[in-house]
Protein backbone atom coordinates (compact mmCIF):
# COMPACT_ATOMS: atom_id res chain seq x y z
CA MET A 1 -0.11 0.01 -0.26
CA ILE A 2 1.37 3.33 -1.05
CA GLY A 3 1.41 5.87 1.67
CA ILE A 4 -0.09 9.32 0.87
CA ARG A 5 0.86 12.71 2.78
CA ASN A 6 -1.73 15.20 2.13
CA GLY A 7 -1.65 18.93 2.83
CA THR A 8 -3.13 22.10 1.90
CA LEU A 9 -1.35 25.26 0.83
CA ALA A 10 -2.66 29.01 1.13
CA VAL A 11 -2.21 30.99 -2.13
CA SER A 12 -3.46 34.07 -3.88
CA GLY A 13 -7.21 33.86 -4.06
CA ALA A 14 -7.58 29.86 -2.82
CA LYS A 15 -6.48 27.10 -0.83
CA LEU A 16 -4.77 24.18 -2.61
CA TYR A 17 -5.04 20.73 -1.91
CA TYR A 18 -2.21 18.42 -2.63
CA GLU A 19 -0.58 14.87 -2.17
CA VAL A 20 2.72 13.58 -1.75
CA ARG A 21 3.83 9.91 -2.32
CA GLY A 22 7.24 8.18 -2.38
CA SER A 23 10.82 8.92 -2.29
CA GLY A 24 13.53 10.41 -4.89
CA PRO A 25 13.52 13.35 -6.93
CA LEU A 26 10.34 15.45 -6.99
CA LEU A 27 7.90 14.89 -9.67
CA LEU A 28 5.06 17.68 -10.10
CA MET A 29 2.13 16.07 -12.12
CA ILE A 30 -0.19 19.01 -13.20
CA HIS A 31 -3.99 18.05 -14.47
CA GLY A 32 -6.05 18.93 -17.45
CA GLY A 33 -9.41 20.84 -17.16
CA GLY A 34 -12.15 19.08 -15.19
CA GLY A 35 -9.79 16.66 -13.29
CA ASP A 36 -8.10 16.83 -9.92
CA ALA A 37 -5.01 14.80 -8.25
CA ASP A 38 -7.16 11.64 -8.57
CA LYS A 39 -6.57 11.33 -12.29
CA PHE A 40 -2.88 10.53 -11.76
CA GLN A 41 -3.35 8.33 -9.16
CA PHE A 42 -2.18 4.93 -10.86
CA VAL A 43 0.74 6.76 -12.18
CA ALA A 44 1.70 8.02 -9.23
CA ASP A 45 1.39 4.82 -7.51
CA ASN A 46 3.61 3.22 -10.05
CA LEU A 47 6.38 5.69 -9.66
CA ALA A 48 6.35 6.28 -5.72
CA ASN A 49 9.30 3.97 -5.49
CA ARG A 50 11.58 5.89 -7.52
CA TYR A 51 10.33 9.82 -7.27
CA THR A 52 8.69 11.91 -4.60
CA VAL A 53 5.23 12.38 -6.82
CA VAL A 54 3.20 15.21 -5.94
CA THR A 55 -0.44 15.58 -7.40
CA TYR A 56 -3.07 18.49 -6.41
CA ASP A 57 -6.24 20.02 -7.48
CA ARG A 58 -5.83 23.05 -9.22
CA ARG A 59 -7.74 26.13 -8.12
CA GLY A 60 -11.29 25.61 -8.62
CA HIS A 61 -11.24 22.10 -8.79
CA SER A 62 -12.40 19.49 -6.28
CA ARG A 63 -10.73 20.30 -2.74
CA SER A 64 -8.83 23.38 -3.91
CA SER A 65 -11.16 26.16 -2.85
CA LEU A 66 -11.58 29.41 -4.44
CA PHE A 67 -12.29 32.38 -2.33
CA ASN A 68 -14.14 34.03 -5.46
CA GLU A 69 -15.85 31.11 -7.20
CA THR A 70 -16.81 33.34 -9.98
CA GLU A 71 -13.08 34.10 -10.58
CA ASN A 72 -11.78 34.16 -14.50
CA TYR A 73 -9.36 31.87 -15.35
CA HIS A 74 -5.79 32.98 -15.99
CA VAL A 75 -3.01 30.42 -16.76
CA LYS A 76 -0.63 32.98 -14.82
CA SER A 77 -2.69 32.50 -11.77
CA HIS A 78 -2.24 28.49 -12.23
CA SER A 79 1.41 28.61 -12.96
CA ASP A 80 2.14 30.90 -9.51
CA ASP A 81 -0.01 28.28 -7.74
CA ALA A 82 2.31 25.45 -9.14
CA HIS A 83 5.44 27.60 -8.72
CA ARG A 84 4.32 28.04 -4.91
CA LEU A 85 4.04 24.36 -4.47
CA LEU A 86 7.14 23.63 -5.56
CA ALA A 87 8.90 26.41 -3.60
CA LYS A 88 6.91 24.78 -0.46
CA LEU A 89 8.10 21.19 -1.18
CA THR A 90 11.86 21.52 -2.74
CA ASP A 91 14.62 23.92 -3.06
CA GLU A 92 15.72 21.78 -6.07
CA PRO A 93 14.79 21.66 -9.94
CA ALA A 94 11.88 19.29 -10.24
CA TYR A 95 10.61 17.12 -12.95
CA VAL A 96 7.15 18.09 -14.24
CA PHE A 97 4.36 16.67 -16.22
CA GLY A 98 1.41 18.41 -17.45
CA SER A 99 -1.82 17.40 -19.29
CA SER A 100 -3.78 19.19 -21.69
CA SER A 101 -4.53 22.63 -20.21
CA GLY A 102 -2.04 21.14 -17.40
CA ALA A 103 0.55 21.21 -20.20
CA VAL A 104 0.20 24.74 -20.96
CA ILE A 105 0.38 25.90 -17.19
CA GLY A 106 3.68 23.76 -17.28
CA LEU A 107 5.25 25.58 -20.12
CA ASP A 108 3.97 28.89 -18.68
CA LEU A 109 5.80 27.77 -15.28
CA SER A 110 8.82 27.22 -17.15
CA ILE A 111 8.98 30.72 -18.85
CA ARG A 112 8.40 32.52 -15.44
CA HIS A 113 10.43 30.25 -13.10
CA PRO A 114 12.63 28.09 -15.04
CA GLU A 115 14.94 27.43 -12.32
CA GLN A 116 12.50 25.25 -10.66
CA LEU A 117 12.64 22.80 -13.57
CA ARG A 118 14.83 20.23 -14.73
CA ILE A 119 12.53 18.36 -17.32
CA LEU A 120 9.11 19.72 -18.39
CA ILE A 121 6.87 17.12 -20.32
CA PRO A 122 3.79 19.01 -21.96
CA HIS A 123 1.56 16.25 -22.82
CA GLU A 124 -0.67 17.19 -25.55
CA PRO A 125 -1.14 21.13 -24.49
CA VAL A 126 -4.26 22.77 -25.77
CA LEU A 127 -2.35 25.88 -27.45
CA LEU A 128 -4.86 26.91 -30.56
CA GLN A 129 -2.41 29.48 -31.61
CA LEU A 130 -0.17 26.43 -33.29
CA LEU A 131 -3.11 25.19 -35.42
CA PHE A 132 -4.37 25.81 -38.67
CA GLY A 133 -6.77 24.69 -41.37
CA ASN A 134 -8.59 21.46 -40.71
CA GLU A 135 -6.87 20.92 -37.17
CA LEU A 136 -7.84 24.52 -35.73
CA VAL A 137 -11.44 23.82 -36.83
CA GLN A 138 -11.59 20.48 -35.18
CA ALA A 139 -10.41 22.06 -31.88
CA LYS A 140 -13.00 24.72 -31.95
CA LEU A 141 -15.75 22.12 -32.73
CA PHE A 142 -14.58 19.79 -30.04
CA LEU A 143 -14.41 22.50 -27.47
CA GLU A 144 -17.74 23.72 -28.39
CA SER A 145 -19.09 19.95 -27.86
CA LEU A 146 -17.79 19.94 -24.69
CA LYS A 147 -19.56 23.06 -23.35
CA LYS A 148 -22.72 21.48 -24.68
CA ASN A 149 -22.32 17.63 -23.33
CA HIS A 150 -19.81 18.00 -20.56
CA GLN A 151 -22.36 16.88 -17.91
CA SER A 152 -23.48 13.68 -19.89
CA GLU A 153 -19.91 12.91 -20.60
CA VAL A 154 -18.95 12.87 -17.00
CA LEU A 155 -21.62 10.68 -15.91
CA LYS A 156 -20.69 8.21 -18.64
CA LEU A 157 -17.03 8.33 -17.23
CA LEU A 158 -18.59 7.42 -14.06
CA SER A 159 -20.71 4.91 -14.77
CA ASN A 160 -18.15 3.16 -17.25
CA SER A 161 -15.35 3.12 -14.49
CA GLU A 162 -14.99 5.27 -11.86
CA ARG A 163 -17.95 4.14 -10.30
CA ASP A 164 -16.79 0.48 -10.08
CA THR A 165 -13.80 1.29 -7.69
CA ILE A 166 -16.18 3.42 -5.05
CA ASN A 167 -17.35 1.52 -2.24
CA SER A 168 -20.43 3.54 -0.75
CA GLU A 169 -23.43 5.23 -2.35
CA LYS A 170 -22.50 8.13 -0.37
CA SER A 171 -19.16 8.40 -1.82
CA LYS A 172 -20.57 7.62 -5.29
CA ASP A 173 -22.78 10.86 -5.09
CA ALA A 174 -19.86 13.10 -3.49
CA ILE A 175 -17.40 12.20 -6.30
CA THR A 176 -20.39 12.59 -8.92
CA GLU A 177 -20.98 16.07 -7.53
CA ARG A 178 -17.06 17.00 -7.47
CA LEU A 179 -16.46 15.93 -10.99
CA LEU A 180 -19.45 17.69 -12.22
CA ASN A 181 -18.51 20.70 -10.57
CA ASN A 182 -15.03 20.55 -11.91
CA SER A 183 -16.65 20.06 -15.43
CA THR A 184 -18.74 23.20 -15.09
CA TYR A 185 -15.82 25.24 -13.79
CA PHE A 186 -14.02 23.76 -16.91
CA VAL A 187 -16.53 24.91 -19.39
CA GLU A 188 -17.50 28.29 -18.01
CA HIS A 189 -14.08 29.48 -17.10
CA GLU A 190 -11.28 27.35 -18.05
CA ILE A 191 -12.17 27.13 -21.92
CA PRO A 192 -12.66 30.81 -22.30
CA GLY A 193 -9.20 31.52 -21.01
CA ILE A 194 -7.77 28.44 -22.75
CA ILE A 195 -8.98 29.91 -26.15
CA ASN A 196 -7.51 33.68 -24.95
CA TYR A 197 -4.18 32.79 -23.90
CA SER A 198 -1.26 32.66 -26.11
CA LEU A 199 2.27 30.95 -25.46
CA ASP A 200 4.95 33.56 -25.53
CA ILE A 201 7.08 31.05 -27.98
CA ASP A 202 10.09 33.30 -28.40
CA LYS A 203 10.15 33.94 -24.77
CA LEU A 204 10.03 30.05 -23.90
CA LYS A 205 13.21 29.55 -26.70
CA ASN A 206 15.18 32.17 -24.93
CA VAL A 207 14.46 30.29 -21.58
CA LEU A 208 15.83 27.13 -23.23
CA LYS A 209 18.60 28.84 -24.27
CA SER A 210 19.67 30.36 -21.37
CA SER A 211 18.99 27.88 -18.74
CA SER A 212 19.24 23.97 -17.96
CA ILE A 213 15.88 23.22 -18.48
CA GLN A 214 14.58 20.69 -20.87
CA VAL A 215 11.31 20.79 -22.79
CA LEU A 216 9.98 17.47 -24.14
CA PRO A 217 6.71 17.85 -25.90
CA ALA A 218 4.68 14.68 -25.81
CA GLY A 219 1.55 12.94 -27.35
CA GLY A 220 -0.19 9.61 -26.97
CA ILE A 221 0.19 6.95 -29.64
CA ALA A 222 -3.89 6.62 -29.99
CA SER A 223 -4.31 10.49 -30.11
CA ARG A 224 -2.40 11.06 -33.33
CA GLU A 225 -6.07 12.32 -34.87
CA PHE A 226 -6.69 14.39 -31.98
CA PHE A 227 -6.00 18.08 -32.37
CA ALA A 228 -3.98 18.56 -28.94
CA TYR A 229 -1.45 15.73 -30.22
CA GLY A 230 -1.11 18.27 -33.31
CA CYS A 231 -0.52 21.24 -31.04
CA SER A 232 2.39 19.03 -29.43
CA VAL A 233 4.21 18.47 -32.74
CA ALA A 234 3.63 21.97 -33.84
CA LEU A 235 5.14 22.90 -30.66
CA THR A 236 8.15 20.57 -30.98
CA GLU A 237 8.96 21.89 -34.41
CA GLN A 238 8.88 25.47 -32.90
CA LEU A 239 11.13 24.62 -30.08
CA GLY A 240 13.74 22.34 -32.38
CA ALA A 241 13.01 20.09 -29.33
CA ASN A 242 12.51 16.33 -29.23
CA PHE A 243 9.01 14.88 -29.40
CA VAL A 244 7.93 11.81 -27.10
CA GLU A 245 4.97 9.26 -27.55
CA PHE A 246 3.11 7.63 -24.55
CA PRO A 247 0.95 4.58 -24.68
CA GLY A 248 -2.92 5.23 -24.95
CA HIS A 249 -4.89 8.57 -25.75
CA HIS A 250 -5.15 12.01 -24.31
CA GLY A 251 -5.61 10.73 -20.80
CA GLY A 252 -3.61 7.43 -21.38
CA TYR A 253 -2.14 7.97 -17.78
CA ASN A 254 -5.78 7.45 -16.21
CA SER A 255 -6.45 4.21 -18.33
CA GLU A 256 -5.47 0.60 -18.50
CA LEU A 257 -2.13 1.49 -19.71
CA HIS A 258 -1.65 3.29 -16.48
CA LYS A 259 1.29 1.00 -15.66
CA LYS A 260 3.20 1.30 -19.08
CA PHE A 261 2.60 4.99 -19.05
CA ALA A 262 4.18 5.32 -15.82
CA GLU A 263 7.32 3.36 -17.17
CA ARG A 264 7.57 5.46 -20.22
CA LEU A 265 7.81 8.62 -18.11
CA HIS A 266 10.27 7.09 -16.17
CA GLU A 267 12.03 6.04 -19.05
CA VAL A 268 11.92 9.74 -20.34
CA LEU A 269 12.76 11.56 -17.00
CA ARG A 270 15.87 9.07 -16.76
């Protein structure tokens, strides 16, 4: 049984809930929109014998409360949260894995606080500025579909998988409510913020030239037709970086492939 140490951290306008597993070099994992720390629980358990794995609920999600619940989403606020969490837990450069909008937060963090990162793996970052033609159309259609169908998608996910691992009806109801609230925050606040955010590619390039941080964009093998995979490929080309493929789709770390995903992540970080 993997021991989990949890805590909270007061930041500007919010209180963050976080979990720490294992020992070794610190690996911070930043979830995407609508998720929380639990999205990484399987991968984190698999890596806890080699890393100090830190997962957390981003502000506005699950157990991380917002003082102003209608606060607009800003990537800068979320990357500052990650910066403060890292500063609390280590004084050494850390490994960072970010998924989807969490990958964008990791990229913003690497520009603002490169001294805190050793390797950043942005897994399928949602950066619409990098897309053109059919890929851009696909991305906009996907986000519009999420706005309309997000609640039914959450309920489908719960009925197919997560509900099976929950013991009591009370906890089922609590987790359902939590994930539906996350999903609502995502479509009402985060999607507009994602669409309006533009990564400063030139500034990121300068950071990579002047610091020891490595940025390794990544995507899932089963996601090659998905627009966020295209964002990662385009980012790789812009940075002249190395592209990394992982098992599974956009959320492969939270699928039946989680062991293979964890081993691939360890292989890349090593």
